[in-house]
N, C-alpha and C. Protein backbone atom coordinates (compact mmCIF):
# COMPACT_ATOMS: atom_id res chain seq x y z
N MET A 1 -46.55 -32.52 -2.47
CA MET A 1 -45.89 -32.12 -1.30
C MET A 1 -46.57 -32.41 -0.10
N THR A 2 -46.66 -33.01 1.16
CA THR A 2 -47.15 -32.33 2.51
C THR A 2 -46.79 -31.29 2.53
N GLY A 3 -47.86 -31.05 4.02
CA GLY A 3 -47.38 -29.81 4.56
C GLY A 3 -46.01 -29.97 5.51
N GLU A 4 -45.96 -31.04 6.06
CA GLU A 4 -44.78 -31.28 6.73
C GLU A 4 -43.55 -31.30 5.85
N GLU A 5 -43.48 -32.11 4.52
CA GLU A 5 -42.44 -31.63 3.70
C GLU A 5 -42.34 -30.00 3.33
N LEU A 6 -43.16 -29.53 3.10
CA LEU A 6 -42.92 -28.19 2.59
C LEU A 6 -42.72 -27.47 3.71
N ASP A 7 -42.83 -27.93 5.01
CA ASP A 7 -42.34 -27.10 6.15
C ASP A 7 -40.80 -27.48 6.34
N LYS A 8 -40.25 -28.58 6.18
CA LYS A 8 -38.95 -28.83 6.24
C LYS A 8 -38.09 -28.20 4.98
N ALA A 9 -38.81 -27.91 4.16
CA ALA A 9 -38.21 -27.21 2.85
C ALA A 9 -38.13 -25.86 3.23
N ILE A 10 -38.99 -25.43 3.91
CA ILE A 10 -38.59 -24.01 4.33
C ILE A 10 -38.04 -23.75 5.11
N ASN A 11 -37.94 -24.54 6.36
CA ASN A 11 -36.89 -24.08 7.00
C ASN A 11 -35.53 -24.48 6.60
N PHE A 12 -35.36 -25.61 5.74
CA PHE A 12 -34.03 -25.86 5.08
C PHE A 12 -33.69 -24.29 4.55
N LEU A 13 -34.58 -23.70 3.53
CA LEU A 13 -34.15 -22.80 3.14
C LEU A 13 -34.07 -21.72 3.74
N LEU A 14 -34.58 -21.16 4.97
CA LEU A 14 -34.21 -20.26 5.97
C LEU A 14 -33.03 -20.41 6.39
N ASN A 15 -32.69 -21.69 6.93
CA ASN A 15 -31.63 -22.12 7.60
C ASN A 15 -30.22 -21.79 6.77
N GLN A 16 -30.54 -22.13 5.66
CA GLN A 16 -29.50 -21.84 4.27
C GLN A 16 -29.14 -20.32 4.24
N GLN A 17 -30.52 -19.62 4.09
CA GLN A 17 -30.52 -18.14 4.10
C GLN A 17 -29.69 -17.61 4.93
N ALA A 18 -29.92 -18.09 6.56
CA ALA A 18 -29.21 -17.46 7.68
C ALA A 18 -27.76 -17.67 7.51
N GLN A 19 -27.17 -18.77 7.12
CA GLN A 19 -26.07 -19.12 7.05
C GLN A 19 -25.14 -18.15 5.84
N LEU A 20 -26.21 -18.09 4.76
CA LEU A 20 -25.37 -17.15 3.74
C LEU A 20 -25.17 -15.72 4.37
N VAL A 21 -26.20 -15.24 5.10
CA VAL A 21 -26.35 -14.30 5.59
C VAL A 21 -24.99 -13.77 6.47
N THR A 22 -24.87 -14.68 7.15
CA THR A 22 -23.59 -14.79 8.08
C THR A 22 -22.41 -15.15 7.73
N THR A 23 -22.44 -15.64 6.66
CA THR A 23 -20.91 -15.81 5.49
C THR A 23 -20.96 -14.67 4.96
N VAL A 24 -21.71 -13.91 4.23
CA VAL A 24 -21.28 -12.44 3.68
C VAL A 24 -21.13 -11.58 4.55
N ASP A 25 -21.75 -11.45 5.65
CA ASP A 25 -21.13 -10.52 6.67
C ASP A 25 -20.03 -10.60 7.18
N ARG A 26 -19.31 -11.98 7.73
CA ARG A 26 -18.15 -12.28 7.51
C ARG A 26 -17.09 -11.92 6.35
N LEU A 27 -17.41 -11.97 5.17
CA LEU A 27 -16.67 -11.59 4.04
C LEU A 27 -16.61 -10.15 3.97
N ALA A 28 -17.97 -9.54 4.22
CA ALA A 28 -17.97 -7.92 4.18
C ALA A 28 -16.78 -7.22 5.57
N SER A 29 -16.75 -8.00 6.22
CA SER A 29 -16.03 -7.55 7.67
C SER A 29 -14.49 -7.64 7.05
N LYS A 30 -14.24 -8.65 6.53
CA LYS A 30 -12.94 -9.03 6.03
C LYS A 30 -12.42 -7.94 4.88
N VAL A 31 -13.53 -7.73 4.17
CA VAL A 31 -13.22 -7.03 2.79
C VAL A 31 -12.86 -5.76 3.31
N ASP A 32 -13.52 -5.10 4.43
CA ASP A 32 -13.44 -3.87 4.91
C ASP A 32 -12.23 -3.90 5.80
N ARG A 33 -11.69 -4.85 6.26
CA ARG A 33 -10.17 -4.59 7.09
C ARG A 33 -9.14 -4.90 6.05
N THR A 34 -9.46 -5.60 4.94
CA THR A 34 -8.36 -5.80 3.64
C THR A 34 -8.20 -4.42 3.14
N ALA A 35 -9.39 -3.61 2.87
CA ALA A 35 -9.32 -2.28 2.46
C ALA A 35 -8.82 -1.42 3.17
N ASP A 36 -8.84 -1.38 4.63
CA ASP A 36 -8.09 -0.50 5.55
C ASP A 36 -6.37 -0.76 5.49
N SER A 37 -6.21 -2.05 5.42
CA SER A 37 -4.77 -2.56 5.36
C SER A 37 -3.81 -1.96 4.01
N ILE A 38 -4.87 -2.07 2.83
CA ILE A 38 -4.31 -1.62 1.47
C ILE A 38 -4.09 -0.08 1.61
N SER A 39 -5.26 0.62 2.03
CA SER A 39 -5.12 1.89 2.53
C SER A 39 -3.84 2.27 3.13
N ALA A 40 -3.75 1.89 4.30
CA ALA A 40 -2.89 1.93 5.17
C ALA A 40 -1.32 1.58 4.57
N LEU A 41 -1.17 0.51 3.58
CA LEU A 41 -0.03 0.16 2.92
C LEU A 41 0.68 1.42 1.64
N LEU A 42 -0.71 1.77 1.00
CA LEU A 42 -0.42 2.71 0.18
C LEU A 42 -0.03 4.59 0.83
N GLN A 43 -0.64 4.45 1.78
CA GLN A 43 0.26 5.43 2.83
C GLN A 43 1.22 5.47 3.11
N ILE A 44 1.99 4.14 3.68
CA ILE A 44 3.30 3.99 3.76
C ILE A 44 4.03 4.01 2.30
N ALA A 45 3.53 3.62 1.11
CA ALA A 45 4.15 3.53 -0.14
C ALA A 45 4.57 4.91 -0.72
N GLU A 46 3.36 5.74 -0.31
CA GLU A 46 3.69 7.39 -0.58
C GLU A 46 4.62 7.97 0.33
N LEU A 47 4.68 7.92 1.43
CA LEU A 47 5.82 8.40 2.51
C LEU A 47 6.90 7.82 2.07
N HIS A 48 7.06 6.78 1.69
CA HIS A 48 8.63 6.07 1.13
C HIS A 48 8.88 6.53 0.19
N ASP A 49 7.93 7.16 -1.11
CA ASP A 49 8.21 7.55 -2.09
C ASP A 49 8.92 8.91 -2.00
N ARG A 50 8.06 9.70 -1.13
CA ARG A 50 8.41 11.37 -1.04
C ARG A 50 10.04 10.98 -0.22
N GLU A 51 10.09 10.30 0.65
CA GLU A 51 11.56 10.22 1.30
C GLU A 51 12.58 9.69 0.32
N ILE A 52 12.47 8.92 -0.49
CA ILE A 52 13.41 8.59 -2.17
C ILE A 52 13.64 9.55 -2.63
N LYS A 53 12.07 10.56 -3.15
CA LYS A 53 12.68 11.55 -3.89
C LYS A 53 13.60 12.88 -3.28
N GLU A 54 13.34 13.15 -1.77
CA GLU A 54 14.27 13.55 -0.91
C GLU A 54 15.32 13.13 -1.06
N THR A 55 15.83 12.21 -0.88
CA THR A 55 16.89 11.38 -0.68
C THR A 55 17.90 11.68 -2.31
N ASP A 56 17.15 11.44 -3.25
CA ASP A 56 17.61 11.40 -4.44
C ASP A 56 18.11 12.79 -4.45
N GLU A 57 17.13 13.95 -4.28
CA GLU A 57 17.52 15.54 -4.33
C GLU A 57 18.78 15.76 -3.47
N ARG A 58 19.22 15.09 -2.41
CA ARG A 58 20.18 15.37 -1.47
C ARG A 58 21.25 14.72 -2.21
N LEU A 59 21.31 13.73 -2.72
CA LEU A 59 22.30 13.12 -3.23
C LEU A 59 22.98 13.62 -4.50
N ASN A 60 21.67 14.11 -5.30
CA ASN A 60 22.27 14.86 -6.38
C ASN A 60 22.78 16.30 -6.10
N ALA A 61 22.36 16.91 -5.01
CA ALA A 61 23.35 17.81 -4.47
C ALA A 61 24.64 17.90 -4.44
N LEU A 62 24.79 16.59 -3.60
CA LEU A 62 26.17 16.36 -3.15
C LEU A 62 26.78 15.89 -4.36
N ILE A 63 26.56 15.23 -5.29
CA ILE A 63 27.24 15.02 -6.41
C ILE A 63 27.78 15.86 -7.14
N ASN A 64 26.65 17.07 -7.08
CA ASN A 64 26.96 18.72 -7.86
C ASN A 64 28.13 19.32 -7.31
N THR A 65 27.93 19.21 -5.82
CA THR A 65 29.10 19.53 -5.14
C THR A 65 30.34 18.88 -5.31
N VAL A 66 30.35 17.58 -5.38
CA VAL A 66 32.00 17.01 -5.66
C VAL A 66 31.91 17.49 -7.10
N GLU A 67 31.58 16.96 -7.66
CA GLU A 67 31.87 17.38 -9.23
C GLU A 67 32.19 18.82 -9.68
N ARG A 68 31.82 20.02 -8.89
CA ARG A 68 32.18 21.27 -9.13
C ARG A 68 33.71 21.14 -8.54
N HIS A 69 33.79 20.43 -7.23
CA HIS A 69 35.04 20.61 -6.57
C HIS A 69 36.07 20.07 -7.46
N ILE A 70 35.92 18.94 -7.88
CA ILE A 70 36.57 18.26 -8.60
C ILE A 70 37.15 18.93 -10.16
N SER A 71 35.95 19.45 -10.74
CA SER A 71 36.30 20.29 -12.10
C SER A 71 37.14 21.30 -11.67
N GLU A 72 36.98 22.20 -10.72
CA GLU A 72 37.39 23.69 -9.92
C GLU A 72 39.16 23.06 -9.92
N GLY A 73 39.27 22.09 -9.21
CA GLY A 73 40.54 21.64 -8.70
C GLY A 73 41.54 21.33 -10.04
N ARG A 74 40.88 20.73 -10.81
CA ARG A 74 41.32 20.48 -12.32
C ARG A 74 41.53 21.43 -13.14
N GLY A 75 40.80 22.46 -13.04
CA GLY A 75 40.77 23.76 -13.92
C GLY A 75 42.09 24.69 -13.89
N GLY A 76 43.00 24.41 -12.93
CA GLY A 76 43.99 25.09 -12.85
C GLY A 76 43.87 26.47 -12.28
N ASN A 77 42.99 26.65 -11.69
CA ASN A 77 42.66 27.75 -10.78
C ASN A 77 43.30 28.00 -9.24
N GLY A 78 44.08 27.06 -8.97
CA GLY A 78 44.72 27.31 -7.80
C GLY A 78 44.10 26.39 -6.75
N LYS A 79 42.90 26.31 -6.89
CA LYS A 79 42.14 25.40 -5.63
C LYS A 79 42.22 24.01 -5.90
N GLY A 80 42.00 23.43 -4.96
CA GLY A 80 42.01 22.06 -5.00
C GLY A 80 43.26 21.37 -4.70
N GLY A 81 43.48 20.22 -5.29
CA GLY A 81 44.47 19.28 -4.93
C GLY A 81 46.00 19.75 -5.83
N GLU A 82 46.20 20.76 -6.31
CA GLU A 82 47.42 21.14 -7.02
C GLU A 82 48.35 21.80 -6.50
């Protein structure tokens, strides 16, 4: 390999390495943004989960109240629709 060929090969390798570094940097940036997005989505999911649990608790309280009123009305104690 002549000196000129060696220089061309070295320049080719250096250019390829520079392109690779640029590509890796772009990918790392995208990975960071994706991780941030996933983190935000997880926080939203946790918030929704808490809201659903709170709604379930409120619905259960309402259901228990309605069932109690229905059973008291049918129990013959004078309350309700009798």
